[in-house]
Amino acid sequence: MNSSNLIENWEFDQLAIVDPNFALLKEIRKSKTQGHATARLGEMFLEMSQRLYDKSFGERLPKDVKDDFVAYGALDAVQYYDRFNEEISQKPMIYIYQIIKSSFAKATTKILRPRHYEDVISI
């Protein structure tokens, strides 16, 4: 590796620190070339899912469902990240956050709805 490549990589990493969209885009590109999600990409999705849960629900839902919601969000993001198209947008965070929001809606019907009917006896 020559010195110009080292300088370009350093600038690339510095830009990733300043712009989280760039860091996420970098990991998505890396994961697409490898054919599977990298561990760092999974960590990013988990962190995004936790932040969105805290921002959306905070203390309004029972504390025991937080882990389930966050897991649904991160797993759906890992499942659908490869459908992100750079030709349409250069902002992968918006795409991933929408996936996580949709997974929270699915989790609501799977986790919270059955609790509502927990004590109901059907005849």
Protein backbone atom coordinates (compact mmCIF):
# COMPACT_ATOMS: atom_id res chain seq x y z
CA MET A 1 0.00 0.00 0.00
CA ASN A 2 1.51 3.33 -1.00
CA SER A 3 1.39 6.58 0.96
CA SER A 4 -1.37 8.14 -1.17
CA ASN A 5 -3.68 5.21 -0.33
CA LEU A 6 -2.89 5.61 3.36
CA ILE A 7 -3.77 9.30 3.20
CA GLU A 8 -7.02 8.57 1.32
CA ASN A 9 -7.99 5.89 3.87
CA TRP A 10 -7.22 8.24 6.75
CA GLU A 11 -9.36 11.00 5.18
CA PHE A 12 -12.11 8.44 4.55
CA ASP A 13 -12.08 7.39 8.23
CA GLN A 14 -12.05 11.01 9.43
CA LEU A 15 -15.08 11.79 7.28
CA ALA A 16 -16.84 8.74 8.75
CA ILE A 17 -16.35 10.19 12.24
CA VAL A 18 -17.89 13.53 11.25
CA ASP A 19 -20.82 12.16 9.23
CA PRO A 20 -22.63 9.08 10.60
CA ASN A 21 -24.38 8.56 7.25
CA PHE A 22 -20.97 8.16 5.67
CA ALA A 23 -19.86 5.63 8.28
CA LEU A 24 -23.04 3.60 7.77
CA LEU A 25 -22.69 3.80 4.00
CA LYS A 26 -19.08 2.59 4.31
CA GLU A 27 -20.18 -0.45 6.35
CA ILE A 28 -23.07 -1.23 4.00
CA ARG A 29 -20.70 -1.20 1.02
CA LYS A 30 -18.26 -3.43 2.87
CA SER A 31 -21.03 -5.86 3.84
CA LYS A 32 -22.41 -6.00 0.31
CA THR A 33 -18.99 -6.90 -1.09
CA GLN A 34 -18.54 -9.63 1.56
CA GLY A 35 -22.04 -11.00 0.97
CA HIS A 36 -23.08 -10.83 4.63
CA ALA A 37 -23.46 -8.21 7.33
CA THR A 38 -20.29 -7.36 9.20
CA ALA A 39 -20.21 -7.39 12.99
CA ARG A 40 -19.75 -3.60 13.01
CA LEU A 41 -22.85 -3.15 10.83
CA GLY A 42 -24.85 -5.29 13.26
CA GLU A 43 -23.63 -3.14 16.15
CA MET A 44 -24.65 0.00 14.27
CA PHE A 45 -28.14 -1.39 13.64
CA LEU A 46 -28.50 -2.39 17.28
CA GLU A 47 -27.48 1.08 18.45
CA MET A 48 -29.87 2.73 15.96
CA SER A 49 -32.68 0.47 17.12
CA GLN A 50 -32.04 1.27 20.79
CA ARG A 51 -31.95 5.00 20.12
CA LEU A 52 -35.15 4.91 18.10
CA TYR A 53 -36.90 2.87 20.80
CA ASP A 54 -35.85 5.35 23.50
CA LYS A 55 -36.95 8.28 21.37
CA SER A 56 -40.26 6.73 20.30
CA PHE A 57 -41.44 4.92 23.40
CA GLY A 58 -39.16 5.83 26.28
CA GLU A 59 -40.94 4.87 29.49
CA ARG A 60 -44.43 4.45 27.98
CA LEU A 61 -44.11 0.72 27.37
CA PRO A 62 -43.34 -1.99 29.92
CA LYS A 63 -39.61 -2.34 30.50
CA ASP A 64 -39.59 -6.06 29.74
CA VAL A 65 -40.52 -5.51 26.08
CA LYS A 66 -37.65 -3.15 25.24
CA ASP A 67 -35.19 -5.94 24.41
CA ASP A 68 -37.74 -7.62 22.14
CA PHE A 69 -38.48 -4.41 20.25
CA VAL A 70 -34.79 -3.56 19.84
CA ALA A 71 -34.04 -7.08 18.64
CA TYR A 72 -36.88 -6.97 16.08
CA GLY A 73 -35.53 -3.66 14.77
CA ALA A 74 -31.93 -4.80 14.49
CA LEU A 75 -32.83 -8.14 12.89
CA ASP A 76 -35.06 -6.53 10.26
CA ALA A 77 -32.31 -4.01 9.48
CA VAL A 78 -29.81 -6.86 8.98
CA GLN A 79 -32.33 -8.67 6.79
CA TYR A 80 -33.07 -5.71 4.50
CA TYR A 81 -29.90 -3.56 4.47
CA ASP A 82 -28.73 -5.01 1.16
CA ARG A 83 -31.75 -3.52 -0.62
CA PHE A 84 -30.42 0.00 -0.04
CA ASN A 85 -29.75 1.61 -3.43
CA GLU A 86 -27.01 4.24 -3.53
CA GLU A 87 -28.23 5.51 -6.90
CA ILE A 88 -31.47 6.68 -5.28
CA SER A 89 -30.09 8.12 -2.05
CA GLN A 90 -26.79 8.69 -0.27
CA LYS A 91 -28.47 8.69 3.17
CA PRO A 92 -28.74 5.12 4.42
CA MET A 93 -29.76 6.20 7.94
CA ILE A 94 -33.18 7.31 6.70
CA TYR A 95 -33.67 3.94 4.98
CA ILE A 96 -32.57 1.92 8.01
CA TYR A 97 -34.62 4.00 10.45
CA GLN A 98 -37.72 3.37 8.31
CA ILE A 99 -37.05 -0.37 8.41
CA ILE A 100 -36.68 -0.23 12.19
CA LYS A 101 -39.88 1.82 12.59
CA SER A 102 -41.78 -0.75 10.51
CA SER A 103 -40.36 -3.58 12.61
CA PHE A 104 -41.55 -1.79 15.77
CA ALA A 105 -45.05 -1.77 14.29
CA LYS A 106 -44.79 -5.52 13.66
CA ALA A 107 -43.45 -6.07 17.16
CA THR A 108 -46.38 -4.15 18.60
CA THR A 109 -48.86 -6.56 17.04
CA LYS A 110 -46.83 -9.63 18.00
CA ILE A 111 -45.82 -8.66 21.54
CA LEU A 112 -48.29 -6.16 22.95
CA ARG A 113 -51.58 -7.27 21.40
CA PRO A 114 -51.57 -10.77 22.94
CA ARG A 115 -51.05 -9.22 26.38
CA HIS A 116 -54.25 -7.25 25.95
CA TYR A 117 -56.24 -10.47 25.66
CA GLU A 118 -54.27 -12.36 28.30
CA ASP A 119 -57.09 -12.58 30.86
CA VAL A 120 -59.93 -13.01 28.37
CA ILE A 121 -61.69 -16.34 28.35
CA SER A 122 -63.45 -17.24 25.14
CA ILE A 123 -66.59 -19.31 25.22
